[in-house]
Amino acid sequence: MFKRARKRKIVVLLLMTLIAFMLWISMSSKGISALAWQRTSAACNAADQFLQQERNKYTTAFPKVGERRVSINGSGSGFSSSSGGEGDVDLQEEYASYNEKDPEEPNYEFRIAGRVGYVVNISRYPVIEIYHSIDPEARELATRMLEALGDNYSAKIVSTTLSKNTTLNAKASDDGKWIIGLSKYAPLIIAVSALCIATILVWSHAEYTTRKRFNALGSRCRTCGCDLTNAPDNRCLECGTLN
């Protein structure tokens, strides 16, 4: 009896530990999941801020005659708590040439100057993956991005052949997959563990109540209630139950 009770206590303690761990994983602001999301989000925000600062460097005014400049013509970004974040910008070169017919209205030429993007996969230790096209202007911007984010964030250039039609999608890293999985199934695991604990407690209480009731009857069989005074090894002579 005492061995069974000890085993049940151990199981209850293990289940309570599991519940506490799952609560910490899924709900704590300092848990593994929250830490991964915070770090991933911070890395994405840093990359977005850098690209926004690059955009703000250029005015809306057209370049002067003979001047060439590269500006950010379009951008996009996104973030998901189950995968991470990504963003990209399109570069455009602008050139102004002399207009012989109307010197006050120069000729403006535009060309696509490349594309730069980033991906941050959700992880406890996120990395800013930088992508850029083969254009010199895109390579220059990606290099500046690497230098700006390298000190405070893990950043690296992973592709130098980013095309216009390539879709950048973040995904959970290897450690991020099990973090998301634990967070997803944490409520179910907690509910099942709590149900098991409740079952064990009810079972233990019922066993204690039954034994207490039979002890009040004296030395009797717990199954049929027969007198066990002369029974060898407390085995009931009527039903054969080992008490």
C-alpha atoms as a PDB file:
ATOM      1  CA  MET A   1       0.000   0.000   0.000  1.00  0.00           C
ATOM      2  CA  PHE A   2       2.746   2.418   0.988  1.00  0.00           C
ATOM      3  CA  LYS A   3       4.705   1.663  -2.208  1.00  0.00           C
ATOM      4  CA  ARG A   4       1.647   2.391  -4.348  1.00  0.00           C
ATOM      5  CA  ALA A   5       1.001   5.638  -2.482  1.00  0.00           C
ATOM      6  CA  ARG A   6       4.638   6.692  -2.948  1.00  0.00           C
ATOM      7  CA  LYS A   7       4.482   5.969  -6.672  1.00  0.00           C
ATOM      8  CA  ARG A   8       1.302   7.995  -7.003  1.00  0.00           C
ATOM      9  CA  LYS A   9       2.938  10.941  -5.242  1.00  0.00           C
ATOM     10  CA  ILE A  10       5.886  10.773  -7.625  1.00  0.00           C
ATOM     11  CA  VAL A  11       3.551  10.725 -10.645  1.00  0.00           C
ATOM     12  CA  VAL A  12       1.594  13.707  -9.287  1.00  0.00           C
ATOM     13  CA  LEU A  13       4.796  15.685  -8.715  1.00  0.00           C
ATOM     14  CA  LEU A  14       6.025  14.901 -12.231  1.00  0.00           C
ATOM     15  CA  LEU A  15       2.717  15.975 -13.749  1.00  0.00           C
ATOM     16  CA  MET A  16       2.705  19.186 -11.709  1.00  0.00           C
ATOM     17  CA  THR A  17       6.254  19.892 -12.888  1.00  0.00           C
ATOM     18  CA  LEU A  18       5.140  19.311 -16.487  1.00  0.00           C
ATOM     19  CA  ILE A  19       2.220  21.716 -16.032  1.00  0.00           C
ATOM     20  CA  ALA A  20       4.511  24.389 -14.580  1.00  0.00           C
ATOM     21  CA  PHE A  21       6.952  23.939 -17.461  1.00  0.00           C
ATOM     22  CA  MET A  22       4.224  24.207 -20.107  1.00  0.00           C
ATOM     23  CA  LEU A  23       2.808  27.322 -18.441  1.00  0.00           C
ATOM     24  CA  TRP A  24       6.261  28.863 -18.498  1.00  0.00           C
ATOM     25  CA  ILE A  25       6.755  27.901 -22.147  1.00  0.00           C
ATOM     26  CA  SER A  26       3.443  29.240 -23.405  1.00  0.00           C
ATOM     27  CA  MET A  27       2.364  32.061 -21.083  1.00  0.00           C
ATOM     28  CA  SER A  28       5.331  33.511 -19.240  1.00  0.00           C
ATOM     29  CA  SER A  29       6.683  36.816 -20.548  1.00  0.00           C
ATOM     30  CA  LYS A  30      10.179  35.438 -19.874  1.00  0.00           C
ATOM     31  CA  GLY A  31       9.513  31.961 -21.249  1.00  0.00           C
ATOM     32  CA  ILE A  32      11.236  30.395 -24.228  1.00  0.00           C
ATOM     33  CA  SER A  33       8.441  31.241 -26.684  1.00  0.00           C
ATOM     34  CA  ALA A  34       8.153  34.867 -25.584  1.00  0.00           C
ATOM     35  CA  LEU A  35      11.921  35.268 -25.732  1.00  0.00           C
ATOM     36  CA  ALA A  36      12.069  33.903 -29.277  1.00  0.00           C
ATOM     37  CA  TRP A  37       9.251  36.174 -30.464  1.00  0.00           C
ATOM     38  CA  GLN A  38      10.749  39.247 -28.806  1.00  0.00           C
ATOM     39  CA  ARG A  39      14.203  38.690 -30.275  1.00  0.00           C
ATOM     40  CA  THR A  40      12.845  37.886 -33.742  1.00  0.00           C
ATOM     41  CA  SER A  41      10.568  40.923 -33.697  1.00  0.00           C
ATOM     42  CA  ALA A  42      13.413  43.183 -32.544  1.00  0.00           C
ATOM     43  CA  ALA A  43      15.633  41.966 -35.401  1.00  0.00           C
ATOM     44  CA  CYS A  44      12.852  42.591 -37.946  1.00  0.00           C
ATOM     45  CA  ASN A  45      12.220  46.086 -36.568  1.00  0.00           C
ATOM     46  CA  ALA A  46      15.928  46.902 -36.808  1.00  0.00           C
ATOM     47  CA  ALA A  47      16.036  45.802 -40.455  1.00  0.00           C
ATOM     48  CA  ASP A  48      12.878  47.783 -41.259  1.00  0.00           C
ATOM     49  CA  GLN A  49      14.231  50.897 -39.556  1.00  0.00           C
ATOM     50  CA  PHE A  50      17.459  50.717 -41.527  1.00  0.00           C
ATOM     51  CA  LEU A  51      15.619  50.493 -44.841  1.00  0.00           C
ATOM     52  CA  GLN A  52      13.294  53.315 -43.797  1.00  0.00           C
ATOM     53  CA  GLN A  53      16.280  55.510 -42.963  1.00  0.00           C
ATOM     54  CA  GLU A  54      17.697  54.765 -46.399  1.00  0.00           C
ATOM     55  CA  ARG A  55      14.404  55.786 -47.970  1.00  0.00           C
ATOM     56  CA  ASN A  56      14.345  59.052 -46.005  1.00  0.00           C
ATOM     57  CA  LYS A  57      17.755  60.042 -47.357  1.00  0.00           C
ATOM     58  CA  TYR A  58      16.244  60.872 -50.713  1.00  0.00           C
ATOM     59  CA  THR A  59      13.972  63.828 -51.367  1.00  0.00           C
ATOM     60  CA  THR A  60      10.997  63.798 -53.678  1.00  0.00           C
ATOM     61  CA  ALA A  61      12.657  66.391 -55.967  1.00  0.00           C
ATOM     62  CA  PHE A  62      13.981  65.192 -59.312  1.00  0.00           C
ATOM     63  CA  PRO A  63      17.757  65.148 -59.865  1.00  0.00           C
ATOM     64  CA  LYS A  64      19.489  68.031 -61.560  1.00  0.00           C
ATOM     65  CA  VAL A  65      20.842  67.837 -65.087  1.00  0.00           C
ATOM     66  CA  GLY A  66      23.813  65.485 -65.245  1.00  0.00           C
ATOM     67  CA  GLU A  67      23.048  64.018 -61.834  1.00  0.00           C
ATOM     68  CA  ARG A  68      22.466  60.325 -61.211  1.00  0.00           C
ATOM     69  CA  ARG A  69      21.054  58.979 -57.993  1.00  0.00           C
ATOM     70  CA  VAL A  70      19.541  55.793 -56.613  1.00  0.00           C
ATOM     71  CA  SER A  71      16.371  55.884 -54.540  1.00  0.00           C
ATOM     72  CA  ILE A  72      14.058  53.349 -52.975  1.00  0.00           C
ATOM     73  CA  ASN A  73      11.018  53.116 -55.173  1.00  0.00           C
ATOM     74  CA  GLY A  74       8.935  50.482 -53.347  1.00  0.00           C
ATOM     75  CA  SER A  75       9.013  48.382 -50.210  1.00  0.00           C
ATOM     76  CA  GLY A  76       7.115  45.739 -48.309  1.00  0.00           C
ATOM     77  CA  SER A  77       7.379  43.815 -45.048  1.00  0.00           C
ATOM     78  CA  GLY A  78       5.496  41.317 -42.916  1.00  0.00           C
ATOM     79  CA  PHE A  79       5.739  39.462 -39.625  1.00  0.00           C
ATOM     80  CA  SER A  80       4.136  36.301 -38.259  1.00  0.00           C
ATOM     81  CA  SER A  81       4.463  34.872 -34.745  1.00  0.00           C
ATOM     82  CA  SER A  82       4.618  31.364 -36.233  1.00  0.00           C
ATOM     83  CA  SER A  83       7.361  31.949 -38.806  1.00  0.00           C
ATOM     84  CA  GLY A  84       9.158  35.282 -38.435  1.00  0.00           C
ATOM     85  CA  GLY A  85       9.474  38.372 -40.601  1.00  0.00           C
ATOM     86  CA  GLU A  86      10.642  39.454 -44.027  1.00  0.00           C
ATOM     87  CA  GLY A  87      10.917  42.638 -46.032  1.00  0.00           C
ATOM     88  CA  ASP A  88      12.323  44.008 -49.266  1.00  0.00           C
ATOM     89  CA  VAL A  89      12.876  47.229 -51.206  1.00  0.00           C
ATOM     90  CA  ASP A  90      13.144  48.011 -54.911  1.00  0.00           C
ATOM     91  CA  LEU A  91      15.899  50.356 -56.041  1.00  0.00           C
ATOM     92  CA  GLN A  92      15.547  52.806 -58.907  1.00  0.00           C
ATOM     93  CA  GLU A  93      18.231  54.889 -60.608  1.00  0.00           C
ATOM     94  CA  GLU A  94      17.202  58.347 -61.784  1.00  0.00           C
ATOM     95  CA  TYR A  95      19.128  60.389 -64.355  1.00  0.00           C
ATOM     96  CA  ALA A  96      18.497  63.876 -65.731  1.00  0.00           C
ATOM     97  CA  SER A  97      19.898  64.951 -69.115  1.00  0.00           C
ATOM     98  CA  TYR A  98      19.815  68.254 -70.997  1.00  0.00           C
ATOM     99  CA  ASN A  99      16.763  68.954 -73.146  1.00  0.00           C
ATOM    100  CA  GLU A 100      17.729  70.940 -76.207  1.00  0.00           C
ATOM    101  CA  LYS A 101      14.154  71.940 -77.020  1.00  0.00           C
ATOM    102  CA  ASP A 102      13.346  73.166 -73.529  1.00  0.00           C
ATOM    103  CA  PRO A 103      16.343  73.636 -71.221  1.00  0.00           C
ATOM    104  CA  GLU A 104      14.034  74.325 -68.314  1.00  0.00           C
ATOM    105  CA  GLU A 105      12.481  70.858 -68.671  1.00  0.00           C
ATOM    106  CA  PRO A 106      15.320  68.292 -68.636  1.00  0.00           C
ATOM    107  CA  ASN A 107      14.910  64.733 -69.817  1.00  0.00           C
ATOM    108  CA  TYR A 108      14.510  62.195 -67.011  1.00  0.00           C
ATOM    109  CA  GLU A 109      15.466  58.574 -67.359  1.00  0.00           C
ATOM    110  CA  PHE A 110      14.695  55.775 -64.922  1.00  0.00           C
ATOM    111  CA  ARG A 111      15.956  52.236 -64.639  1.00  0.00           C
ATOM    112  CA  ILE A 112      15.573  49.427 -62.123  1.00  0.00           C
ATOM    113  CA  ALA A 113      18.690  49.380 -59.964  1.00  0.00           C
ATOM    114  CA  GLY A 114      18.063  46.138 -58.105  1.00  0.00           C
ATOM    115  CA  ARG A 115      16.362  44.717 -55.081  1.00  0.00           C
ATOM    116  CA  VAL A 116      17.403  44.165 -51.466  1.00  0.00           C
ATOM    117  CA  GLY A 117      15.533  42.052 -48.925  1.00  0.00           C
ATOM    118  CA  TYR A 118      15.867  40.340 -45.581  1.00  0.00           C
ATOM    119  CA  VAL A 119      14.424  37.321 -43.796  1.00  0.00           C
ATOM    120  CA  VAL A 120      14.407  36.654 -40.048  1.00  0.00           C
ATOM    121  CA  ASN A 121      13.272  33.144 -39.166  1.00  0.00           C
ATOM    122  CA  ILE A 122      11.753  32.786 -35.719  1.00  0.00           C
ATOM    123  CA  SER A 123      14.325  31.459 -33.271  1.00  0.00           C
ATOM    124  CA  ARG A 124      15.770  32.008 -29.829  1.00  0.00           C
ATOM    125  CA  TYR A 125      18.852  33.312 -31.647  1.00  0.00           C
ATOM    126  CA  PRO A 126      17.496  34.957 -34.819  1.00  0.00           C
ATOM    127  CA  VAL A 127      19.738  35.856 -37.752  1.00  0.00           C
ATOM    128  CA  ILE A 128      19.015  38.657 -40.219  1.00  0.00           C
ATOM    129  CA  GLU A 129      19.518  36.996 -43.604  1.00  0.00           C
ATOM    130  CA  ILE A 130      20.213  39.622 -46.261  1.00  0.00           C
ATOM    131  CA  TYR A 131      19.441  39.083 -49.955  1.00  0.00           C
ATOM    132  CA  HIS A 132      20.323  41.361 -52.865  1.00  0.00           C
ATOM    133  CA  SER A 133      20.378  41.308 -56.635  1.00  0.00           C
ATOM    134  CA  ILE A 134      23.534  41.389 -58.752  1.00  0.00           C
ATOM    135  CA  ASP A 135      23.227  45.156 -59.353  1.00  0.00           C
ATOM    136  CA  PRO A 136      26.084  47.229 -57.891  1.00  0.00           C
ATOM    137  CA  GLU A 137      23.617  49.589 -56.214  1.00  0.00           C
ATOM    138  CA  ALA A 138      21.842  46.701 -54.508  1.00  0.00           C
ATOM    139  CA  ARG A 139      25.138  45.196 -53.395  1.00  0.00           C
ATOM    140  CA  GLU A 140      26.196  48.536 -51.910  1.00  0.00           C
ATOM    141  CA  LEU A 141      22.960  48.914 -49.957  1.00  0.00           C
ATOM    142  CA  ALA A 142      23.153  45.316 -48.690  1.00  0.00           C
ATOM    143  CA  THR A 143      26.740  45.892 -47.552  1.00  0.00           C
ATOM    144  CA  ARG A 144      25.730  49.008 -45.618  1.00  0.00           C
ATOM    145  CA  MET A 145      22.882  47.058 -44.068  1.00  0.00           C
ATOM    146  CA  LEU A 146      25.271  44.330 -42.957  1.00  0.00           C
ATOM    147  CA  GLU A 147      27.626  46.862 -41.419  1.00  0.00           C
ATOM    148  CA  ALA A 148      24.817  48.728 -39.649  1.00  0.00           C
ATOM    149  CA  LEU A 149      23.193  45.644 -38.099  1.00  0.00           C
ATOM    150  CA  GLY A 150      26.195  43.400 -37.596  1.00  0.00           C
ATOM    151  CA  ASP A 151      27.232  44.799 -34.194  1.00  0.00           C
ATOM    152  CA  ASN A 152      23.905  44.479 -32.385  1.00  0.00           C
ATOM    153  CA  TYR A 153      22.274  41.686 -34.392  1.00  0.00           C
ATOM    154  CA  SER A 154      23.441  38.549 -36.123  1.00  0.00           C
ATOM    155  CA  ALA A 155      23.361  39.451 -39.808  1.00  0.00           C
ATOM    156  CA  LYS A 156      24.796  37.851 -42.917  1.00  0.00           C
ATOM    157  CA  ILE A 157      24.421  38.037 -46.681  1.00  0.00           C
ATOM    158  CA  VAL A 158      23.055  34.710 -47.880  1.00  0.00           C
ATOM    159  CA  SER A 159      22.257  35.461 -51.528  1.00  0.00           C
ATOM    160  CA  THR A 160      23.621  37.821 -54.182  1.00  0.00           C
ATOM    161  CA  THR A 161      21.247  36.742 -56.958  1.00  0.00           C
ATOM    162  CA  LEU A 162      17.892  37.973 -55.695  1.00  0.00           C
ATOM    163  CA  SER A 163      15.543  38.375 -58.641  1.00  0.00           C
ATOM    164  CA  LYS A 164      12.466  40.536 -59.034  1.00  0.00           C
ATOM    165  CA  ASN A 165      10.143  37.529 -58.940  1.00  0.00           C
ATOM    166  CA  THR A 166      11.686  35.815 -55.907  1.00  0.00           C
ATOM    167  CA  THR A 167       9.358  35.625 -52.919  1.00  0.00           C
ATOM    168  CA  LEU A 168      10.961  36.021 -49.521  1.00  0.00           C
ATOM    169  CA  ASN A 169       9.227  33.972 -46.862  1.00  0.00           C
ATOM    170  CA  ALA A 170      10.297  33.539 -43.263  1.00  0.00           C
ATOM    171  CA  LYS A 171       9.906  30.174 -41.588  1.00  0.00           C
ATOM    172  CA  ALA A 172      10.550  28.688 -38.198  1.00  0.00           C
ATOM    173  CA  SER A 173      14.130  27.586 -37.617  1.00  0.00           C
ATOM    174  CA  ASP A 174      14.945  24.174 -36.171  1.00  0.00           C
ATOM    175  CA  ASP A 175      14.631  25.339 -32.572  1.00  0.00           C
ATOM    176  CA  GLY A 176      11.690  27.556 -33.492  1.00  0.00           C
ATOM    177  CA  LYS A 177       9.668  24.563 -34.722  1.00  0.00           C
ATOM    178  CA  TRP A 178       9.618  22.801 -31.367  1.00  0.00           C
ATOM    179  CA  ILE A 179       9.020  26.113 -29.557  1.00  0.00           C
ATOM    180  CA  ILE A 180       5.922  26.728 -31.673  1.00  0.00           C
ATOM    181  CA  GLY A 181       4.853  23.097 -31.303  1.00  0.00           C
ATOM    182  CA  LEU A 182       5.088  23.224 -27.510  1.00  0.00           C
ATOM    183  CA  SER A 183       3.192  26.512 -27.399  1.00  0.00           C
ATOM    184  CA  LYS A 184       0.510  25.159 -29.727  1.00  0.00           C
ATOM    185  CA  TYR A 185      -0.148  22.007 -27.725  1.00  0.00           C
ATOM    186  CA  ALA A 186       0.552  23.475 -24.279  1.00  0.00           C
ATOM    187  CA  PRO A 187      -3.171  23.926 -23.369  1.00  0.00           C
ATOM    188  CA  LEU A 188      -3.931  20.303 -24.310  1.00  0.00           C
ATOM    189  CA  ILE A 189      -0.939  18.968 -22.365  1.00  0.00           C
ATOM    190  CA  ILE A 190      -1.891  21.056 -19.324  1.00  0.00           C
ATOM    191  CA  ALA A 191      -5.522  19.869 -19.465  1.00  0.00           C
ATOM    192  CA  VAL A 192      -4.565  16.191 -19.770  1.00  0.00           C
ATOM    193  CA  SER A 193      -2.028  16.467 -16.953  1.00  0.00           C
ATOM    194  CA  ALA A 194      -4.562  18.189 -14.683  1.00  0.00           C
ATOM    195  CA  LEU A 195      -7.128  15.484 -15.463  1.00  0.00           C
ATOM    196  CA  CYS A 196      -4.593  12.767 -14.596  1.00  0.00           C
ATOM    197  CA  ILE A 197      -3.781  14.485 -11.307  1.00  0.00           C
ATOM    198  CA  ALA A 198      -7.472  14.787 -10.434  1.00  0.00           C
ATOM    199  CA  THR A 199      -8.008  11.092 -11.260  1.00  0.00           C
ATOM    200  CA  ILE A 200      -5.081  10.027  -9.083  1.00  0.00           C
ATOM    201  CA  LEU A 201      -6.289  12.158  -6.171  1.00  0.00           C
ATOM    202  CA  VAL A 202      -9.854  10.817  -6.413  1.00  0.00           C
ATOM    203  CA  TRP A 203      -8.559   7.256  -6.653  1.00  0.00           C
ATOM    204  CA  SER A 204      -6.282   7.735  -3.651  1.00  0.00           C
ATOM    205  CA  HIS A 205      -9.078   9.254  -1.600  1.00  0.00           C
ATOM    206  CA  ALA A 206     -11.463   6.438  -2.517  1.00  0.00           C
ATOM    207  CA  GLU A 207      -8.878   3.817  -1.573  1.00  0.00           C
ATOM    208  CA  TYR A 208      -8.181   5.579   1.724  1.00  0.00           C
ATOM    209  CA  THR A 209     -11.892   5.834   2.528  1.00  0.00           C
ATOM    210  CA  THR A 210     -12.488   2.157   1.703  1.00  0.00           C
ATOM    211  CA  ARG A 211      -9.550   0.968   3.791  1.00  0.00           C
ATOM    212  CA  LYS A 212     -10.617   3.191   6.675  1.00  0.00           C
ATOM    213  CA  ARG A 213     -14.140   1.750   6.541  1.00  0.00           C
ATOM    214  CA  PHE A 214     -12.915  -1.835   6.604  1.00  0.00           C
ATOM    215  CA  ASN A 215     -10.437  -1.077   9.362  1.00  0.00           C
ATOM    216  CA  ALA A 216     -13.346   0.139  11.416  1.00  0.00           C
ATOM    217  CA  LEU A 217     -14.903  -3.295  11.020  1.00  0.00           C
ATOM    218  CA  GLY A 218     -11.802  -4.941  12.502  1.00  0.00           C
ATOM    219  CA  SER A 219      -9.721  -7.653  10.856  1.00  0.00           C
ATOM    220  CA  ARG A 220     -12.040  -8.409   7.946  1.00  0.00           C
ATOM    221  CA  CYS A 221     -11.731  -9.052   4.236  1.00  0.00           C
ATOM    222  CA  ARG A 222     -11.906  -5.870   2.195  1.00  0.00           C
ATOM    223  CA  THR A 223     -13.856  -7.683  -0.529  1.00  0.00           C
ATOM    224  CA  CYS A 224     -16.462  -9.731   1.296  1.00  0.00           C
ATOM    225  CA  GLY A 225     -16.056  -8.609   4.916  1.00  0.00           C
ATOM    226  CA  CYS A 226     -15.355 -12.066   6.363  1.00  0.00           C
ATOM    227  CA  ASP A 227     -13.328 -12.409   9.574  1.00  0.00           C
ATOM    228  CA  LEU A 228      -9.570 -12.785   8.904  1.00  0.00           C
ATOM    229  CA  THR A 229      -8.542 -13.663  12.458  1.00  0.00           C
ATOM    230  CA  ASN A 230      -7.458 -17.215  11.609  1.00  0.00           C
ATOM    231  CA  ALA A 231      -6.665 -16.637   7.913  1.00  0.00           C
ATOM    232  CA  PRO A 232      -3.041 -17.437   6.952  1.00  0.00           C
ATOM    233  CA  ASP A 233      -1.175 -14.506   5.362  1.00  0.00           C
ATOM    234  CA  ASN A 234      -4.381 -12.434   5.538  1.00  0.00           C
ATOM    235  CA  ARG A 235      -5.867 -14.384   2.609  1.00  0.00           C
ATOM    236  CA  CYS A 236      -9.639 -14.599   2.917  1.00  0.00           C
ATOM    237  CA  LEU A 237     -10.860 -18.181   3.406  1.00  0.00           C
ATOM    238  CA  GLU A 238     -14.172 -17.305   1.699  1.00  0.00           C
ATOM    239  CA  CYS A 239     -13.235 -15.384  -1.470  1.00  0.00           C
ATOM    240  CA  GLY A 240      -9.465 -15.854  -1.604  1.00  0.00           C
ATOM    241  CA  THR A 241      -8.653 -12.114  -1.631  1.00  0.00           C
ATOM    242  CA  LEU A 242      -5.168 -11.237  -0.320  1.00  0.00           C
ATOM    243  CA  ASN A 243      -5.717  -8.419   2.142  1.00  0.00           C
END
